[in-house]
Amino acid sequence: MSASFFTILGCKTLQALSFCVKIEVTEIEKEEAYEISRAQ
């Protein structure tokens, strides 16, 4: 959620957009890894 909020605020240009997408993907991967480790 915080990653998406940051993306909305921060992505004013295409360069910023590509940077924000990388951050958002990283955050999603962290959340997925946490869910997997918690499930085990």
PDB file of N, CA and C in Angstrom:
ATOM      1  N   MET A   1       0.841  -1.202   0.000  1.00  0.00           N
ATOM      2  CA  MET A   1       0.000   0.000   0.000  1.00  0.00           C
ATOM      3  C   MET A   1       0.880   1.257   0.000  1.00  0.00           C
ATOM      4  N   SER A   2       1.879   1.286   0.861  1.00  0.00           N
ATOM      5  CA  SER A   2       2.755   2.450   0.938  1.00  0.00           C
ATOM      6  C   SER A   2       3.548   2.621  -0.358  1.00  0.00           C
ATOM      7  N   ALA A   3       3.900   1.502  -0.998  1.00  0.00           N
ATOM      8  CA  ALA A   3       4.640   1.591  -2.255  1.00  0.00           C
ATOM      9  C   ALA A   3       3.785   2.228  -3.342  1.00  0.00           C
ATOM     10  N   SER A   4       2.509   1.845  -3.410  1.00  0.00           N
ATOM     11  CA  SER A   4       1.615   2.419  -4.407  1.00  0.00           C
ATOM     12  C   SER A   4       1.402   3.906  -4.147  1.00  0.00           C
ATOM     13  N   PHE A   5       1.261   4.264  -2.881  1.00  0.00           N
ATOM     14  CA  PHE A   5       1.095   5.673  -2.512  1.00  0.00           C
ATOM     15  C   PHE A   5       2.319   6.477  -2.925  1.00  0.00           C
ATOM     16  N   PHE A   6       3.492   5.938  -2.680  1.00  0.00           N
ATOM     17  CA  PHE A   6       4.733   6.599  -3.089  1.00  0.00           C
ATOM     18  C   PHE A   6       4.791   6.746  -4.603  1.00  0.00           C
ATOM     19  N   THR A   7       4.353   5.721  -5.322  1.00  0.00           N
ATOM     20  CA  THR A   7       4.351   5.767  -6.783  1.00  0.00           C
ATOM     21  C   THR A   7       3.472   6.900  -7.279  1.00  0.00           C
ATOM     22  N   ILE A   8       2.277   7.033  -6.706  1.00  0.00           N
ATOM     23  CA  ILE A   8       1.357   8.090  -7.114  1.00  0.00           C
ATOM     24  C   ILE A   8       1.982   9.465  -6.873  1.00  0.00           C
ATOM     25  N   LEU A   9       2.633   9.636  -5.725  1.00  0.00           N
ATOM     26  CA  LEU A   9       3.223  10.932  -5.397  1.00  0.00           C
ATOM     27  C   LEU A   9       4.468  11.222  -6.220  1.00  0.00           C
ATOM     28  N   GLY A  10       5.284  10.202  -6.458  1.00  0.00           N
ATOM     29  CA  GLY A  10       6.630  10.431  -6.970  1.00  0.00           C
ATOM     30  C   GLY A  10       6.782  10.375  -8.477  1.00  0.00           C
ATOM     31  N   CYS A  11       5.827   9.773  -9.189  1.00  0.00           N
ATOM     32  CA  CYS A  11       6.032   9.513 -10.613  1.00  0.00           C
ATOM     33  C   CYS A  11       5.465  10.647 -11.457  1.00  0.00           C
ATOM     34  N   LYS A  12       6.233  11.711 -11.588  1.00  0.00           N
ATOM     35  CA  LYS A  12       5.819  12.855 -12.397  1.00  0.00           C
ATOM     36  C   LYS A  12       6.396  12.769 -13.808  1.00  0.00           C
ATOM     37  N   THR A  13       7.494  12.058 -13.974  1.00  0.00           N
ATOM     38  CA  THR A  13       8.136  11.930 -15.274  1.00  0.00           C
ATOM     39  C   THR A  13       8.352  10.456 -15.579  1.00  0.00           C
ATOM     40  N   LEU A  14       8.652  10.152 -16.837  1.00  0.00           N
ATOM     41  CA  LEU A  14       8.901   8.758 -17.211  1.00  0.00           C
ATOM     42  C   LEU A  14      10.106   8.191 -16.480  1.00  0.00           C
ATOM     43  N   GLN A  15      11.132   9.006 -16.283  1.00  0.00           N
ATOM     44  CA  GLN A  15      12.315   8.538 -15.558  1.00  0.00           C
ATOM     45  C   GLN A  15      11.946   8.177 -14.127  1.00  0.00           C
ATOM     46  N   ALA A  16      11.163   9.050 -13.492  1.00  0.00           N
ATOM     47  CA  ALA A  16      10.717   8.764 -12.136  1.00  0.00           C
ATOM     48  C   ALA A  16       9.813   7.539 -12.123  1.00  0.00           C
ATOM     49  N   LEU A  17       8.986   7.388 -13.165  1.00  0.00           N
ATOM     50  CA  LEU A  17       8.068   6.255 -13.234  1.00  0.00           C
ATOM     51  C   LEU A  17       8.830   4.938 -13.239  1.00  0.00           C
ATOM     52  N   SER A  18       9.866   4.830 -14.055  1.00  0.00           N
ATOM     53  CA  SER A  18      10.638   3.587 -14.110  1.00  0.00           C
ATOM     54  C   SER A  18      11.289   3.296 -12.763  1.00  0.00           C
ATOM     55  N   PHE A  19      11.755   4.348 -12.086  1.00  0.00           N
ATOM     56  CA  PHE A  19      12.353   4.193 -10.763  1.00  0.00           C
ATOM     57  C   PHE A  19      11.315   3.716  -9.754  1.00  0.00           C
ATOM     58  N   CYS A  20      10.121   4.321  -9.792  1.00  0.00           N
ATOM     59  CA  CYS A  20       9.060   3.953  -8.853  1.00  0.00           C
ATOM     60  C   CYS A  20       8.590   2.524  -9.086  1.00  0.00           C
ATOM     61  N   VAL A  21       8.513   2.108 -10.332  1.00  0.00           N
ATOM     62  CA  VAL A  21       8.096   0.738 -10.630  1.00  0.00           C
ATOM     63  C   VAL A  21       9.077  -0.251 -10.012  1.00  0.00           C
ATOM     64  N   LYS A  22      10.370   0.030 -10.099  1.00  0.00           N
ATOM     65  CA  LYS A  22      11.370  -0.848  -9.482  1.00  0.00           C
ATOM     66  C   LYS A  22      11.152  -0.940  -7.980  1.00  0.00           C
ATOM     67  N   ILE A  23      10.882   0.190  -7.343  1.00  0.00           N
ATOM     68  CA  ILE A  23      10.638   0.199  -5.901  1.00  0.00           C
ATOM     69  C   ILE A  23       9.393  -0.610  -5.575  1.00  0.00           C
ATOM     70  N   GLU A  24       8.344  -0.418  -6.357  1.00  0.00           N
ATOM     71  CA  GLU A  24       7.084  -1.099  -6.080  1.00  0.00           C
ATOM     72  C   GLU A  24       7.242  -2.610  -6.241  1.00  0.00           C
ATOM     73  N   VAL A  25       7.930  -3.047  -7.276  1.00  0.00           N
ATOM     74  CA  VAL A  25       8.172  -4.476  -7.478  1.00  0.00           C
ATOM     75  C   VAL A  25       8.950  -5.051  -6.297  1.00  0.00           C
ATOM     76  N   THR A  26       9.954  -4.322  -5.829  1.00  0.00           N
ATOM     77  CA  THR A  26      10.742  -4.773  -4.680  1.00  0.00           C
ATOM     78  C   THR A  26       9.873  -4.925  -3.444  1.00  0.00           C
ATOM     79  N   GLU A  27       8.992  -3.962  -3.203  1.00  0.00           N
ATOM     80  CA  GLU A  27       8.100  -4.021  -2.044  1.00  0.00           C
ATOM     81  C   GLU A  27       7.154  -5.212  -2.141  1.00  0.00           C
ATOM     82  N   ILE A  28       6.614  -5.465  -3.342  1.00  0.00           N
ATOM     83  CA  ILE A  28       5.707  -6.601  -3.534  1.00  0.00           C
ATOM     84  C   ILE A  28       6.445  -7.906  -3.267  1.00  0.00           C
ATOM     85  N   GLU A  29       7.678  -8.016  -3.758  1.00  0.00           N
ATOM     86  CA  GLU A  29       8.462  -9.232  -3.528  1.00  0.00           C
ATOM     87  C   GLU A  29       8.737  -9.437  -2.045  1.00  0.00           C
ATOM     88  N   LYS A  30       9.015  -8.371  -1.317  1.00  0.00           N
ATOM     89  CA  LYS A  30       9.224  -8.481   0.127  1.00  0.00           C
ATOM     90  C   LYS A  30       7.969  -8.999   0.815  1.00  0.00           C
ATOM     91  N   GLU A  31       6.819  -8.457   0.424  1.00  0.00           N
ATOM     92  CA  GLU A  31       5.561  -8.876   1.040  1.00  0.00           C
ATOM     93  C   GLU A  31       5.276 -10.347   0.743  1.00  0.00           C
ATOM     94  N   GLU A  32       5.517 -10.772  -0.495  1.00  0.00           N
ATOM     95  CA  GLU A  32       5.286 -12.167  -0.860  1.00  0.00           C
ATOM     96  C   GLU A  32       6.221 -13.091  -0.087  1.00  0.00           C
ATOM     97  N   ALA A  33       7.480 -12.713   0.024  1.00  0.00           N
ATOM     98  CA  ALA A  33       8.443 -13.524   0.763  1.00  0.00           C
ATOM     99  C   ALA A  33       8.038 -13.640   2.228  1.00  0.00           C
ATOM    100  N   TYR A  34       7.526 -12.554   2.783  1.00  0.00           N
ATOM    101  CA  TYR A  34       7.071 -12.567   4.179  1.00  0.00           C
ATOM    102  C   TYR A  34       5.877 -13.494   4.345  1.00  0.00           C
ATOM    103  N   GLU A  35       4.926 -13.413   3.425  1.00  0.00           N
ATOM    104  CA  GLU A  35       3.743 -14.278   3.506  1.00  0.00           C
ATOM    105  C   GLU A  35       4.136 -15.747   3.391  1.00  0.00           C
ATOM    106  N   ILE A  36       5.057 -16.055   2.496  1.00  0.00           N
ATOM    107  CA  ILE A  36       5.494 -17.443   2.308  1.00  0.00           C
ATOM    108  C   ILE A  36       6.194 -17.955   3.568  1.00  0.00           C
ATOM    109  N   SER A  37       7.094 -17.156   4.118  1.00  0.00           N
ATOM    110  CA  SER A  37       7.832 -17.596   5.306  1.00  0.00           C
ATOM    111  C   SER A  37       6.899 -17.735   6.503  1.00  0.00           C
ATOM    112  N   ARG A  38       5.877 -16.899   6.575  1.00  0.00           N
ATOM    113  CA  ARG A  38       4.930 -16.974   7.680  1.00  0.00           C
ATOM    114  C   ARG A  38       4.033 -18.201   7.535  1.00  0.00           C
ATOM    115  N   ALA A  39       3.722 -18.575   6.295  1.00  0.00           N
ATOM    116  CA  ALA A  39       2.850 -19.728   6.056  1.00  0.00           C
ATOM    117  C   ALA A  39       3.556 -21.038   6.415  1.00  0.00           C
ATOM    118  N   GLN A  40       4.867 -21.070   6.260  1.00  0.00           N
ATOM    119  CA  GLN A  40       5.622 -22.268   6.598  1.00  0.00           C
ATOM    120  C   GLN A  40       5.892 -22.296   8.064  1.00  0.00           C
TER     121      GLN A  40
END
